[in-house]
Structures are given as structure tokens and as C-alpha cells.
Amino acid sequence: MSVLNNFTVSIAKGIRRLRQNKELCDRLSGRRQHGINEPRLKLDKCLIVSKVTRYEYEKHSHDNIADADLEKILRKRGSDYDAMISNHREQKSFEEGVARSLKEMGLQVEMASRLTYNDKLINWCDVVVPCGGDGTFLLAASRVRDANKPVIGFNSAPHKSVGRLCLPTWCSNDVKGALLALKEGRFRWMRRSRIRTTITCEPKLLDTITPVDLHTLHYCRYCL
């Protein structure tokens, strides 16, 4: 009886291993088939959404006065004007590098700031490419209403911050390599959830409500 039991157990284990191997083969086969049929990312028209730097914000808040006058105001206030200009140039250099890499791949490129970012540009492009941090990414994504339009963010200052919504740090250090990987389909989609808010009121009051993006309002926090 003991020998028979051992034989039965061995048979059961063998059948279990065969089933596991078959399931593994089926999964691998499905992955290969899925990889073949998976659509590639369309990158023909790219819209870069630039981050508003502190310099640009101050310039806009002071009615675009001359740089010399702006420098006097900011230095008098105690701001580090030199660091502000350095960060501004670093940001713009990164954005220009991304745009240059896209153009070298034969792609059409348009650039927009948070003040010029609009539905017309969003409808024109195949992909939205915010260059900044998580704030710039959220700004860019908030206007995209098409769930099938990708938003691919680059962290423009990976040595200073870690963007949780943007591509990994190595992509910022190797923009061309990252774009090539995207073009060749060497990536995985990540679907993110968003929150929708709705205002309810009497129908006659709807005409009096005008939606406004807070970031488009002209204000200066230093005047508060």
C-alpha cells in the first residue's frame, strides 16, 4: 500500500508540473503575441509644454518691464537674481534640447507655456510633452480630455527634484535614448485616474458662471 501511495503521489506531482509548464508556455506565448499586436506610439506631432520659471513669473507679474528694472526691484526685495536667471537658462536649455532631439527624428514640434497652452494646440498634436516637474505635468494633463492622447513628462531638473509623474531620471539625462525607446515601442502604458469636480446650481445661474484657470490669473503673491 505504501508503494502504491508513493506512486500515486509521484503521478500527481508530475501532472501538476506539466500543468504549470503549460500555463507558463501559454502566458509567454500570449505575451509574445501581445507584443506583436501592440500599437506603437504615434509621435508625428509633438507639443512641448514648458515650465514657467520664477524669472518668467516675476517678469509677467511686473508687466514685462525691462530686465534692468526688474533686477533692481528683485535685488531690493532680497531675491537671488543671479540664481533665478541661472535656473531660467537651465530650464530653457533643457526644453530646447528636447525640441531639438524631436526635430532630429523628423517630427513636428510646437512649444507652449501655461499662458499659451490651449485646446487648438492639444487637438493638433499626437502627444503632449511637459518639461518641468509634477506641477507642469498636472497642468498639461488637466487640459487633455482625450483618454487616448499620451502625456509624457520629462523632469527638467532631475539633480534637484524627483518627478513622480514624469519619466525616470535616466530619461532626462539621455533624452535622445528615451525618445528612441518610445518610438520603438520599448515602454509600458500607465493609466492614471483623475478627479472630476461638478458644480450644481439652479439652471438660470449657469450663465453667470465662467470657468477660469487659476494659473492664468494675473496676481503677485508678494503684494499680499
C-alpha atoms as a PDB file:
ATOM      1  CA  MET A   1       0.000   0.000   0.000  1.00  0.00           C
ATOM      2  CA  SER A   2       2.858   2.361   0.832  1.00  0.00           C
ATOM      3  CA  VAL A   3       4.498   1.797  -2.560  1.00  0.00           C
ATOM      4  CA  LEU A   4       1.180   2.425  -4.307  1.00  0.00           C
ATOM      5  CA  ASN A   5       0.638   5.620  -2.361  1.00  0.00           C
ATOM      6  CA  ASN A   6       4.107   6.884  -3.241  1.00  0.00           C
ATOM      7  CA  PHE A   7       3.494   6.065  -6.890  1.00  0.00           C
ATOM      8  CA  THR A   8       0.167   7.926  -6.821  1.00  0.00           C
ATOM      9  CA  VAL A   9       1.791  10.968  -5.214  1.00  0.00           C
ATOM     10  CA  SER A  10       4.551  10.972  -7.838  1.00  0.00           C
ATOM     11  CA  ILE A  11       1.956  10.816 -10.630  1.00  0.00           C
ATOM     12  CA  ALA A  12       0.037  13.736  -9.077  1.00  0.00           C
ATOM     13  CA  LYS A  13       3.190  15.842  -8.768  1.00  0.00           C
ATOM     14  CA  GLY A  14       4.144  15.093 -12.363  1.00  0.00           C
ATOM     15  CA  ILE A  15       0.718  16.120 -13.640  1.00  0.00           C
ATOM     16  CA  ARG A  16       0.882  19.314 -11.557  1.00  0.00           C
ATOM     17  CA  ARG A  17       4.293  20.210 -13.040  1.00  0.00           C
ATOM     18  CA  LEU A  18       3.007  19.586 -16.568  1.00  0.00           C
ATOM     19  CA  ARG A  19       0.049  21.878 -15.938  1.00  0.00           C
ATOM     20  CA  GLN A  20       2.313  24.585 -14.529  1.00  0.00           C
ATOM     21  CA  ASN A  21       4.657  24.322 -17.522  1.00  0.00           C
ATOM     22  CA  LYS A  22       1.705  24.507 -19.903  1.00  0.00           C
ATOM     23  CA  GLU A  23       0.336  27.596 -18.137  1.00  0.00           C
ATOM     24  CA  LEU A  24       3.784  29.212 -18.291  1.00  0.00           C
ATOM     25  CA  CYS A  25       4.080  28.472 -22.010  1.00  0.00           C
ATOM     26  CA  ASP A  26       0.601  29.868 -22.613  1.00  0.00           C
ATOM     27  CA  ARG A  27       1.474  33.078 -20.762  1.00  0.00           C
ATOM     28  CA  LEU A  28       4.731  33.528 -22.649  1.00  0.00           C
ATOM     29  CA  SER A  29       3.002  32.858 -25.943  1.00  0.00           C
ATOM     30  CA  GLY A  30       0.325  35.393 -25.067  1.00  0.00           C
ATOM     31  CA  ARG A  31       2.952  37.998 -24.182  1.00  0.00           C
ATOM     32  CA  ARG A  32       4.781  37.484 -27.453  1.00  0.00           C
ATOM     33  CA  GLN A  33       1.553  37.724 -29.375  1.00  0.00           C
ATOM     34  CA  HIS A  34       0.522  40.791 -27.424  1.00  0.00           C
ATOM     35  CA  GLY A  35       3.884  42.430 -28.145  1.00  0.00           C
ATOM     36  CA  ILE A  36       3.464  41.826 -31.872  1.00  0.00           C
ATOM     37  CA  ASN A  37      -0.032  43.283 -31.974  1.00  0.00           C
ATOM     38  CA  GLU A  38       0.616  46.160 -29.558  1.00  0.00           C
ATOM     39  CA  PRO A  39       0.259  49.545 -31.323  1.00  0.00           C
ATOM     40  CA  ARG A  40       3.276  51.814 -31.314  1.00  0.00           C
ATOM     41  CA  LEU A  41       3.218  55.359 -30.015  1.00  0.00           C
ATOM     42  CA  LYS A  42       2.385  57.940 -32.665  1.00  0.00           C
ATOM     43  CA  LEU A  43       4.874  60.800 -32.392  1.00  0.00           C
ATOM     44  CA  ASP A  44       4.433  62.717 -35.640  1.00  0.00           C
ATOM     45  CA  LYS A  45       3.248  65.922 -33.939  1.00  0.00           C
ATOM     46  CA  CYS A  46       4.634  66.791 -30.512  1.00  0.00           C
ATOM     47  CA  LEU A  47       3.566  69.639 -28.242  1.00  0.00           C
ATOM     48  CA  ILE A  48       6.099  70.667 -25.604  1.00  0.00           C
ATOM     49  CA  VAL A  49       4.577  72.379 -22.568  1.00  0.00           C
ATOM     50  CA  SER A  50       7.236  74.461 -20.857  1.00  0.00           C
ATOM     51  CA  LYS A  51       7.515  75.217 -17.179  1.00  0.00           C
ATOM     52  CA  VAL A  52       7.035  78.815 -16.099  1.00  0.00           C
ATOM     53  CA  THR A  53      10.267  79.750 -14.370  1.00  0.00           C
ATOM     54  CA  ARG A  54      10.494  82.128 -11.438  1.00  0.00           C
ATOM     55  CA  TYR A  55      12.036  84.712 -13.752  1.00  0.00           C
ATOM     56  CA  GLU A  56       9.121  84.453 -16.202  1.00  0.00           C
ATOM     57  CA  TYR A  57       6.626  84.689 -13.362  1.00  0.00           C
ATOM     58  CA  GLU A  58       8.255  87.809 -11.952  1.00  0.00           C
ATOM     59  CA  LYS A  59       8.547  89.332 -15.402  1.00  0.00           C
ATOM     60  CA  HIS A  60       4.855  88.736 -16.052  1.00  0.00           C
ATOM     61  CA  SER A  61       3.858  89.975 -12.597  1.00  0.00           C
ATOM     62  CA  HIS A  62       5.692  93.262 -13.194  1.00  0.00           C
ATOM     63  CA  ASP A  63       4.074  93.954 -16.586  1.00  0.00           C
ATOM     64  CA  ASN A  64       7.099  92.760 -18.579  1.00  0.00           C
ATOM     65  CA  ILE A  65       9.338  95.631 -17.552  1.00  0.00           C
ATOM     66  CA  ALA A  66      12.947  95.828 -18.749  1.00  0.00           C
ATOM     67  CA  ASP A  67      15.345  93.294 -17.257  1.00  0.00           C
ATOM     68  CA  ALA A  68      17.474  96.022 -15.689  1.00  0.00           C
ATOM     69  CA  ASP A  69      14.468  97.469 -13.864  1.00  0.00           C
ATOM     70  CA  LEU A  70      13.267  94.019 -12.814  1.00  0.00           C
ATOM     71  CA  GLU A  71      16.709  93.191 -11.451  1.00  0.00           C
ATOM     72  CA  LYS A  72      16.693  96.328  -9.288  1.00  0.00           C
ATOM     73  CA  ILE A  73      13.269  95.505  -7.859  1.00  0.00           C
ATOM     74  CA  LEU A  74      14.137  91.901  -7.081  1.00  0.00           C
ATOM     75  CA  ARG A  75      17.536  92.652  -5.569  1.00  0.00           C
ATOM     76  CA  LYS A  76      15.987  95.352  -3.413  1.00  0.00           C
ATOM     77  CA  ARG A  77      13.470  92.787  -2.211  1.00  0.00           C
ATOM     78  CA  GLY A  78      16.299  90.424  -1.319  1.00  0.00           C
ATOM     79  CA  SER A  79      15.786  87.846  -4.073  1.00  0.00           C
ATOM     80  CA  ASP A  80      18.771  85.967  -5.514  1.00  0.00           C
ATOM     81  CA  TYR A  81      18.536  87.358  -9.036  1.00  0.00           C
ATOM     82  CA  ASP A  82      21.631  85.537 -10.307  1.00  0.00           C
ATOM     83  CA  ALA A  83      20.295  82.134  -9.217  1.00  0.00           C
ATOM     84  CA  MET A  84      16.922  82.995 -10.743  1.00  0.00           C
ATOM     85  CA  ILE A  85      18.481  83.762 -14.124  1.00  0.00           C
ATOM     86  CA  SER A  86      20.682  80.661 -13.935  1.00  0.00           C
ATOM     87  CA  ASN A  87      17.689  78.399 -13.249  1.00  0.00           C
ATOM     88  CA  HIS A  88      15.738  80.076 -16.052  1.00  0.00           C
ATOM     89  CA  ARG A  89      18.507  79.482 -18.576  1.00  0.00           C
ATOM     90  CA  GLU A  90      18.925  75.893 -17.411  1.00  0.00           C
ATOM     91  CA  GLN A  91      15.204  75.233 -17.877  1.00  0.00           C
ATOM     92  CA  LYS A  92      15.078  76.778 -21.351  1.00  0.00           C
ATOM     93  CA  SER A  93      18.216  74.918 -22.391  1.00  0.00           C
ATOM     94  CA  PHE A  94      16.593  71.620 -21.406  1.00  0.00           C
ATOM     95  CA  GLU A  95      13.397  72.430 -23.308  1.00  0.00           C
ATOM     96  CA  GLU A  96      15.376  73.396 -26.398  1.00  0.00           C
ATOM     97  CA  GLY A  97      17.309  70.127 -26.133  1.00  0.00           C
ATOM     98  CA  VAL A  98      14.088  68.094 -26.101  1.00  0.00           C
ATOM     99  CA  ALA A  99      12.726  70.076 -29.057  1.00  0.00           C
ATOM    100  CA  ARG A 100      15.976  69.629 -30.977  1.00  0.00           C
ATOM    101  CA  SER A 101      16.010  65.867 -30.363  1.00  0.00           C
ATOM    102  CA  LEU A 102      12.420  65.556 -31.590  1.00  0.00           C
ATOM    103  CA  LYS A 103      13.147  67.569 -34.725  1.00  0.00           C
ATOM    104  CA  GLU A 104      16.226  65.462 -35.467  1.00  0.00           C
ATOM    105  CA  MET A 105      13.883  62.460 -35.514  1.00  0.00           C
ATOM    106  CA  GLY A 106      11.887  64.167 -38.267  1.00  0.00           C
ATOM    107  CA  LEU A 107       8.950  65.094 -36.024  1.00  0.00           C
ATOM    108  CA  GLN A 108       6.901  68.280 -35.978  1.00  0.00           C
ATOM    109  CA  VAL A 109       7.301  70.278 -32.776  1.00  0.00           C
ATOM    110  CA  GLU A 110       5.373  73.152 -31.229  1.00  0.00           C
ATOM    111  CA  MET A 111       6.046  74.775 -27.861  1.00  0.00           C
ATOM    112  CA  ALA A 112       3.602  76.355 -25.438  1.00  0.00           C
ATOM    113  CA  SER A 113       3.707  77.850 -21.968  1.00  0.00           C
ATOM    114  CA  ARG A 114       0.905  77.736 -19.443  1.00  0.00           C
ATOM    115  CA  LEU A 115      -0.292  81.064 -20.857  1.00  0.00           C
ATOM    116  CA  THR A 116      -0.402  79.887 -24.499  1.00  0.00           C
ATOM    117  CA  TYR A 117      -1.432  76.262 -23.890  1.00  0.00           C
ATOM    118  CA  ASN A 118      -4.867  75.862 -25.483  1.00  0.00           C
ATOM    119  CA  ASP A 119      -7.303  73.366 -26.989  1.00  0.00           C
ATOM    120  CA  LYS A 120      -6.256  74.153 -30.556  1.00  0.00           C
ATOM    121  CA  LEU A 121      -2.681  73.029 -29.893  1.00  0.00           C
ATOM    122  CA  ILE A 122      -3.866  69.990 -27.948  1.00  0.00           C
ATOM    123  CA  ASN A 123      -6.112  68.882 -30.800  1.00  0.00           C
ATOM    124  CA  TRP A 124      -3.251  69.394 -33.270  1.00  0.00           C
ATOM    125  CA  CYS A 125      -0.678  67.207 -31.535  1.00  0.00           C
ATOM    126  CA  ASP A 126      -0.323  63.440 -31.210  1.00  0.00           C
ATOM    127  CA  VAL A 127       1.427  63.629 -27.863  1.00  0.00           C
ATOM    128  CA  VAL A 128       1.854  66.247 -25.125  1.00  0.00           C
ATOM    129  CA  VAL A 129       5.364  66.543 -23.665  1.00  0.00           C
ATOM    130  CA  PRO A 130       5.535  68.650 -20.485  1.00  0.00           C
ATOM    131  CA  CYS A 131       9.066  69.646 -19.467  1.00  0.00           C
ATOM    132  CA  GLY A 132       9.344  70.596 -15.819  1.00  0.00           C
ATOM    133  CA  GLY A 133       8.136  68.765 -12.751  1.00  0.00           C
ATOM    134  CA  ASP A 134       4.932  67.243 -11.433  1.00  0.00           C
ATOM    135  CA  GLY A 135       3.225  70.646 -11.432  1.00  0.00           C
ATOM    136  CA  THR A 136       3.895  71.144 -15.132  1.00  0.00           C
ATOM    137  CA  PHE A 137       2.768  67.573 -15.814  1.00  0.00           C
ATOM    138  CA  LEU A 138      -0.528  68.101 -13.967  1.00  0.00           C
ATOM    139  CA  LEU A 139      -1.094  71.379 -15.795  1.00  0.00           C
ATOM    140  CA  ALA A 140      -0.548  69.687 -19.157  1.00  0.00           C
ATOM    141  CA  ALA A 141      -2.726  66.685 -18.288  1.00  0.00           C
ATOM    142  CA  SER A 142      -5.576  68.809 -16.921  1.00  0.00           C
ATOM    143  CA  ARG A 143      -6.381  70.175 -20.385  1.00  0.00           C
ATOM    144  CA  VAL A 144      -6.202  66.825 -22.219  1.00  0.00           C
ATOM    145  CA  ARG A 145      -9.710  65.394 -22.433  1.00  0.00           C
ATOM    146  CA  ASP A 146      -8.885  62.580 -24.851  1.00  0.00           C
ATOM    147  CA  ALA A 147      -8.029  59.473 -22.819  1.00  0.00           C
ATOM    148  CA  ASN A 148      -6.043  58.110 -25.777  1.00  0.00           C
ATOM    149  CA  LYS A 149      -3.754  61.137 -26.100  1.00  0.00           C
ATOM    150  CA  PRO A 150      -0.483  60.402 -24.242  1.00  0.00           C
ATOM    151  CA  VAL A 151       1.100  62.865 -21.822  1.00  0.00           C
ATOM    152  CA  ILE A 152       4.816  62.098 -21.489  1.00  0.00           C
ATOM    153  CA  GLY A 153       6.680  64.245 -18.960  1.00  0.00           C
ATOM    154  CA  PHE A 154      10.387  64.979 -18.683  1.00  0.00           C
ATOM    155  CA  ASN A 155      11.807  66.149 -15.356  1.00  0.00           C
ATOM    156  CA  SER A 156      13.895  69.156 -16.388  1.00  0.00           C
ATOM    157  CA  ALA A 157      15.921  69.240 -13.151  1.00  0.00           C
ATOM    158  CA  PRO A 158      16.498  65.632 -12.041  1.00  0.00           C
ATOM    159  CA  HIS A 159      19.506  66.701  -9.958  1.00  0.00           C
ATOM    160  CA  LYS A 160      17.256  68.930  -7.830  1.00  0.00           C
ATOM    161  CA  SER A 161      13.927  67.129  -7.678  1.00  0.00           C
ATOM    162  CA  VAL A 162      12.257  63.785  -8.322  1.00  0.00           C
ATOM    163  CA  GLY A 163       9.161  63.960 -10.517  1.00  0.00           C
ATOM    164  CA  ARG A 164       6.804  61.133  -9.565  1.00  0.00           C
ATOM    165  CA  LEU A 165       4.645  61.643 -12.645  1.00  0.00           C
ATOM    166  CA  CYS A 166       7.436  62.150 -15.157  1.00  0.00           C
ATOM    167  CA  LEU A 167       9.681  59.631 -16.886  1.00  0.00           C
ATOM    168  CA  PRO A 168      12.536  58.099 -14.851  1.00  0.00           C
ATOM    169  CA  THR A 169      15.642  60.175 -14.161  1.00  0.00           C
ATOM    170  CA  TRP A 170      17.755  58.410 -16.792  1.00  0.00           C
ATOM    171  CA  CYS A 171      15.367  59.706 -19.469  1.00  0.00           C
ATOM    172  CA  SER A 172      16.177  63.306 -18.525  1.00  0.00           C
ATOM    173  CA  ASN A 173      19.893  62.535 -18.681  1.00  0.00           C
ATOM    174  CA  ASP A 174      19.528  60.752 -22.039  1.00  0.00           C
ATOM    175  CA  VAL A 175      16.671  62.463 -23.865  1.00  0.00           C
ATOM    176  CA  LYS A 176      17.582  61.002 -27.265  1.00  0.00           C
ATOM    177  CA  GLY A 177      17.733  57.480 -25.860  1.00  0.00           C
ATOM    178  CA  ALA A 178      14.373  57.921 -24.142  1.00  0.00           C
ATOM    179  CA  LEU A 179      12.710  59.249 -27.298  1.00  0.00           C
ATOM    180  CA  LEU A 180      14.162  56.387 -29.328  1.00  0.00           C
ATOM    181  CA  ALA A 181      12.782  53.870 -26.827  1.00  0.00           C
ATOM    182  CA  LEU A 182       9.360  55.490 -27.103  1.00  0.00           C
ATOM    183  CA  LYS A 183       9.494  55.491 -30.886  1.00  0.00           C
ATOM    184  CA  GLU A 184      10.466  51.805 -30.973  1.00  0.00           C
ATOM    185  CA  GLY A 185       7.712  50.853 -28.555  1.00  0.00           C
ATOM    186  CA  ARG A 186      10.003  49.856 -25.681  1.00  0.00           C
ATOM    187  CA  PHE A 187       7.704  51.076 -22.937  1.00  0.00           C
ATOM    188  CA  ARG A 188       4.578  50.203 -20.968  1.00  0.00           C
ATOM    189  CA  TRP A 189       1.431  52.272 -20.739  1.00  0.00           C
ATOM    190  CA  MET A 190       0.491  53.627 -17.316  1.00  0.00           C
ATOM    191  CA  ARG A 191      -3.138  54.665 -16.949  1.00  0.00           C
ATOM    192  CA  ARG A 192      -3.741  57.285 -14.268  1.00  0.00           C
ATOM    193  CA  SER A 193      -7.007  58.292 -12.645  1.00  0.00           C
ATOM    194  CA  ARG A 194      -8.200  61.868 -12.480  1.00  0.00           C
ATOM    195  CA  ILE A 195     -10.790  63.597 -10.318  1.00  0.00           C
ATOM    196  CA  ARG A 196     -13.734  65.369 -11.910  1.00  0.00           C
ATOM    197  CA  THR A 197     -15.489  68.126  -9.953  1.00  0.00           C
ATOM    198  CA  THR A 198     -19.011  69.267 -10.776  1.00  0.00           C
ATOM    199  CA  ILE A 199     -20.836  72.409  -9.673  1.00  0.00           C
ATOM    200  CA  THR A 200     -24.592  72.069  -9.226  1.00  0.00           C
ATOM    201  CA  CYS A 201     -26.917  75.045  -9.031  1.00  0.00           C
ATOM    202  CA  GLU A 202     -30.104  76.416 -10.490  1.00  0.00           C
ATOM    203  CA  PRO A 203     -30.077  76.394 -14.327  1.00  0.00           C
ATOM    204  CA  LYS A 204     -30.593  80.158 -14.512  1.00  0.00           C
ATOM    205  CA  LEU A 205     -27.346  80.720 -12.614  1.00  0.00           C
ATOM    206  CA  LEU A 206     -25.197  78.681 -15.007  1.00  0.00           C
ATOM    207  CA  ASP A 207     -24.919  81.604 -17.423  1.00  0.00           C
ATOM    208  CA  THR A 208     -23.304  83.687 -14.691  1.00  0.00           C
ATOM    209  CA  ILE A 209     -20.525  81.161 -14.023  1.00  0.00           C
ATOM    210  CA  THR A 210     -17.371  81.488 -16.104  1.00  0.00           C
ATOM    211  CA  PRO A 211     -14.710  78.775 -15.628  1.00  0.00           C
ATOM    212  CA  VAL A 212     -11.262  80.277 -15.065  1.00  0.00           C
ATOM    213  CA  ASP A 213      -7.907  78.522 -14.752  1.00  0.00           C
ATOM    214  CA  LEU A 214      -6.270  79.932 -11.645  1.00  0.00           C
ATOM    215  CA  HIS A 215      -2.810  79.862 -13.214  1.00  0.00           C
ATOM    216  CA  THR A 216      -3.948  82.293 -15.925  1.00  0.00           C
ATOM    217  CA  LEU A 217      -4.953  84.958 -13.418  1.00  0.00           C
ATOM    218  CA  HIS A 218      -2.522  87.836 -13.054  1.00  0.00           C
ATOM    219  CA  TYR A 219      -1.581  88.200  -9.423  1.00  0.00           C
ATOM    220  CA  CYS A 220       1.501  88.797  -7.328  1.00  0.00           C
ATOM    221  CA  ARG A 221       1.767  86.911  -4.063  1.00  0.00           C
ATOM    222  CA  TYR A 222       4.312  89.429  -2.765  1.00  0.00           C
ATOM    223  CA  CYS A 223       1.650  92.125  -2.763  1.00  0.00           C
ATOM    224  CA  LEU A 224      -0.491  90.238  -0.253  1.00  0.00           C
END
